[in-house]
Every structure is written in C-alpha cells, then in structure tokens.
Amino acid sequence: MRRIISLYLIAVFVTSCASSKRLGRFYSEKSLASEKKAEQANMFPLYYESGDATSVLWPLIDKGDHGFAFRPFYNQEDNEYAVLFPLSAWNSVQGDGWIGPNMWSDDYRFLFPFYYGDEDSDHFAGLYSLHKTGNKSEHSVLFKLLCKWTDYKNGEYSHYLFPWYSKKLKK
C-alpha cells in the first residue's frame, strides 16, 4: 500500500499538462462535495463520473466536455493539444505551437538554434540572414562580418564581401 501511495504521489508531481485550466477545473469541481445525482460516482481522486465528466486516478486520466487527457502522453483542452508535454503542444485554431525546438505561429517560424523567420526576415544560425523592409532588402553572411548585400528600391546599394569586394552607390 505504501508503494502505491508513493507512486501515485510521484505521478501527481511529475506529470505535466498543457492546460492548467483543465487540471485545476477537475480538482476544484470534483474533489469537493457536490450535489448527488443518480448517475454520479465520486471516489475522487481514484474515480469520478458525472454526466460527461470522468476521471480515473486523477490527474492521470480525465475526460469532459472540454476534452480528454491521458497524462503525460496526451492532453486536449478545447483547441489546445499536447503530446508528451512539454515536448510538444499546439493550438489548431490559432495556428501556433511547438514540437521540441521547432516553434511556429502565423507571425513567425523558429527552429532553435538554426532558423528564425517572420514576415520580413529569415535567419539561419547567423550563417545567412535575409531581411526585407518597405524600401530595402538586405542579405548577410556570418553575422554581417563576411558579407552584407543591401539593395534599396530607389536603386541605391551597398555591397561588401570581406576582404575582396566593396561597392556603394548613393544617388
């Protein structure tokens, strides 16, 4: 019995959840005394069932109107999903999330430490960068130390490739 309690306590403290709202909602609503219904079973935290809400060995397994969780392997809370949280999580409606070092949203893409990109720029681990603004585009190599190529829309430019080439045109 001591081992079972110890394993349960370890599971409570080491399991993660992508949505703390889900974990907290189940604890606060299901662990407290509630109005008894004929179809309700309450042996919280071992087993709880009422309507469409079910929990088995909370916080390991729960299901309700907001989603399903089998922690730490899978968690779904409305539009938020997680597999092996905190290794991956995403929101299918907002279009953002991460899988390991790869993160994305509608505004940016990021693969740490190799790549970062947004609407105006792309950066590859400092080895190559492309940055575009309304009036210019700029390419650089090795943190702008080896090469920097800037072209302006009005025809001006500034180019250098260390140590062999450097040219600038101002109108």
Protein backbone atom coordinates (compact mmCIF):
# COMPACT_ATOMS: atom_id res chain seq x y z
CA MET A 1 0.00 0.00 0.00
CA ARG A 2 2.88 2.34 0.79
CA ARG A 3 4.36 1.82 -2.68
CA ILE A 4 1.03 2.53 -4.38
CA ILE A 5 0.64 5.81 -2.48
CA SER A 6 4.25 6.74 -3.24
CA LEU A 7 3.79 6.00 -6.96
CA TYR A 8 0.58 7.99 -7.02
CA LEU A 9 2.23 11.00 -5.35
CA ILE A 10 5.19 10.82 -7.73
CA ALA A 11 2.78 10.71 -10.69
CA VAL A 12 0.92 13.76 -9.37
CA PHE A 13 4.10 15.80 -9.10
CA VAL A 14 5.88 14.73 -12.30
CA THR A 15 3.03 14.65 -14.81
CA SER A 16 2.59 17.76 -16.86
CA CYS A 17 -0.41 19.26 -18.51
CA ALA A 18 -0.58 21.68 -21.43
CA SER A 19 -3.57 23.37 -19.89
CA SER A 20 -3.53 24.14 -16.20
CA LYS A 21 -7.17 25.20 -16.56
CA ARG A 22 -8.15 21.59 -17.23
CA LEU A 23 -6.16 20.18 -14.32
CA GLY A 24 -7.42 22.79 -11.87
CA ARG A 25 -11.01 22.57 -13.02
CA PHE A 26 -11.16 18.83 -12.39
CA TYR A 27 -9.59 19.17 -8.96
CA SER A 28 -11.73 22.04 -7.69
CA GLU A 29 -15.06 20.76 -9.06
CA LYS A 30 -14.69 17.03 -8.47
CA SER A 31 -12.85 16.82 -5.16
CA LEU A 32 -15.32 18.99 -3.28
CA ALA A 33 -18.70 17.75 -2.10
CA SER A 34 -21.32 18.26 -4.78
CA GLU A 35 -24.99 17.63 -5.27
CA LYS A 36 -25.51 13.90 -5.62
CA LYS A 37 -27.11 12.67 -8.82
CA ALA A 38 -28.28 9.16 -9.54
CA GLU A 39 -25.72 8.74 -12.31
CA GLN A 40 -22.80 10.18 -10.31
CA ALA A 41 -19.95 8.22 -8.76
CA ASN A 42 -17.48 10.12 -6.58
CA MET A 43 -14.45 8.32 -5.15
CA PHE A 44 -12.14 11.20 -6.02
CA PRO A 45 -9.21 11.00 -6.80
CA LEU A 46 -9.47 7.29 -7.66
CA TYR A 47 -12.62 7.53 -9.79
CA TYR A 48 -15.17 10.23 -10.58
CA GLU A 49 -18.08 10.19 -13.03
CA SER A 50 -20.91 12.65 -13.50
CA GLY A 51 -22.63 13.33 -16.80
CA ASP A 52 -19.91 13.53 -19.42
CA ALA A 53 -17.08 14.19 -16.92
CA THR A 54 -14.96 11.20 -15.92
CA SER A 55 -11.67 10.96 -14.05
CA VAL A 56 -9.60 7.87 -13.26
CA LEU A 57 -6.59 8.19 -10.94
CA TRP A 58 -6.68 11.97 -11.21
CA PRO A 59 -4.55 13.69 -12.56
CA LEU A 60 -3.56 10.85 -14.89
CA ILE A 61 -6.78 10.31 -16.89
CA ASP A 62 -9.80 12.58 -17.29
CA LYS A 63 -12.46 13.27 -19.90
CA GLY A 64 -15.04 16.04 -20.03
CA ASP A 65 -16.89 18.46 -22.27
CA HIS A 66 -13.65 20.45 -22.84
CA GLY A 67 -11.50 17.49 -23.92
CA PHE A 68 -9.54 14.46 -22.83
CA ALA A 69 -6.24 13.84 -21.06
CA PHE A 70 -4.08 10.76 -20.60
CA ARG A 71 -1.11 12.43 -18.92
CA PRO A 72 1.72 12.80 -19.66
CA PHE A 73 1.18 11.26 -23.10
CA TYR A 74 -1.77 13.22 -24.50
CA ASN A 75 -3.87 16.22 -23.47
CA GLN A 76 -6.63 18.05 -25.33
CA GLU A 77 -8.34 21.12 -23.85
CA ASP A 78 -10.76 22.71 -26.33
CA ASN A 79 -8.45 23.70 -29.25
CA GLU A 80 -5.18 23.10 -27.37
CA TYR A 81 -3.41 19.78 -27.86
CA ALA A 82 -0.25 18.31 -26.32
CA VAL A 83 1.69 15.10 -26.82
CA LEU A 84 4.34 14.33 -24.20
CA PHE A 85 4.01 17.84 -22.79
CA PRO A 86 6.22 19.89 -22.52
CA LEU A 87 7.88 18.40 -25.60
CA SER A 88 5.02 19.41 -27.89
CA ALA A 89 1.84 21.49 -27.80
CA TRP A 90 -0.25 23.34 -30.37
CA ASN A 91 -3.50 25.20 -30.89
CA SER A 92 -5.28 24.14 -34.07
CA VAL A 93 -7.43 27.30 -34.28
CA GLN A 94 -4.77 29.93 -33.53
CA GLY A 95 -2.21 28.07 -35.67
CA ASP A 96 0.62 28.21 -33.14
CA GLY A 97 2.59 25.67 -31.15
CA TRP A 98 5.86 23.80 -30.79
CA ILE A 99 7.38 20.38 -31.24
CA GLY A 100 10.72 20.22 -29.46
CA PRO A 101 12.85 23.13 -30.66
CA ASN A 102 10.52 23.86 -33.60
CA MET A 103 8.02 26.67 -32.85
CA TRP A 104 5.52 28.37 -35.16
CA SER A 105 2.64 30.82 -35.35
CA ASP A 106 1.03 32.95 -38.03
CA ASP A 107 3.72 35.60 -37.43
CA TYR A 108 6.94 33.56 -37.17
CA ARG A 109 8.73 30.21 -37.58
CA PHE A 110 11.60 29.15 -35.36
CA LEU A 111 13.89 26.11 -35.20
CA PHE A 112 16.25 26.71 -32.31
CA PRO A 113 19.13 27.47 -32.80
CA PHE A 114 19.19 27.04 -36.57
CA TYR A 115 16.37 29.08 -38.07
CA TYR A 116 14.11 32.04 -37.35
CA GLY A 117 11.73 33.52 -39.88
CA ASP A 118 8.88 36.00 -39.86
CA GLU A 119 7.11 38.10 -42.49
CA ASP A 120 10.14 40.30 -43.11
CA SER A 121 13.19 38.16 -42.37
CA ASP A 122 14.86 34.76 -42.39
CA HIS A 123 17.90 33.90 -40.25
CA PHE A 124 19.89 30.67 -40.46
CA ALA A 125 22.05 30.35 -37.29
CA GLY A 126 23.91 33.55 -38.08
CA LEU A 127 25.40 31.98 -41.20
CA TYR A 128 22.89 33.64 -43.54
CA SER A 129 20.22 36.31 -43.00
CA LEU A 130 17.68 37.93 -45.27
CA HIS A 131 15.80 40.99 -44.06
CA LYS A 132 13.23 42.87 -46.17
CA THR A 133 11.57 46.15 -45.32
CA GLY A 134 9.43 48.51 -47.36
CA ASN A 135 12.39 50.21 -49.05
CA LYS A 136 15.27 47.72 -48.94
CA SER A 137 16.37 44.10 -48.84
CA GLU A 138 19.50 43.00 -47.03
CA HIS A 139 21.42 39.74 -47.25
CA SER A 140 24.26 38.97 -44.86
CA VAL A 141 26.62 36.10 -44.15
CA LEU A 142 28.31 35.20 -40.87
CA PHE A 143 26.59 37.86 -38.71
CA LYS A 144 27.31 40.58 -41.35
CA LEU A 145 31.05 40.09 -40.87
CA LEU A 146 31.84 38.20 -44.06
CA CYS A 147 29.25 39.64 -46.43
CA LYS A 148 26.50 42.26 -46.46
CA TRP A 149 24.43 42.97 -49.55
CA THR A 150 21.89 45.83 -49.24
CA ASP A 151 19.71 46.91 -52.16
CA TYR A 152 17.32 49.86 -51.91
CA LYS A 153 14.20 50.25 -54.06
CA ASN A 154 15.38 53.65 -55.31
CA GLY A 155 18.40 51.98 -56.98
CA GLU A 156 20.98 52.69 -54.29
CA TYR A 157 23.01 49.80 -52.94
CA SER A 158 25.80 48.88 -50.58
CA HIS A 159 27.70 45.62 -51.14
CA TYR A 160 30.75 44.15 -49.49
CA LEU A 161 32.39 40.78 -49.34
CA PHE A 162 35.26 40.80 -46.87
CA PRO A 163 38.14 41.24 -47.77
CA TRP A 164 37.83 41.22 -51.58
CA TYR A 165 34.95 43.43 -52.64
CA SER A 166 33.19 46.62 -51.53
CA LYS A 167 30.96 48.87 -53.60
CA LYS A 168 28.41 51.55 -52.73
CA LEU A 169 26.09 53.67 -54.86
CA LYS A 170 24.26 56.68 -53.45
CA LYS A 171 22.02 58.81 -55.63
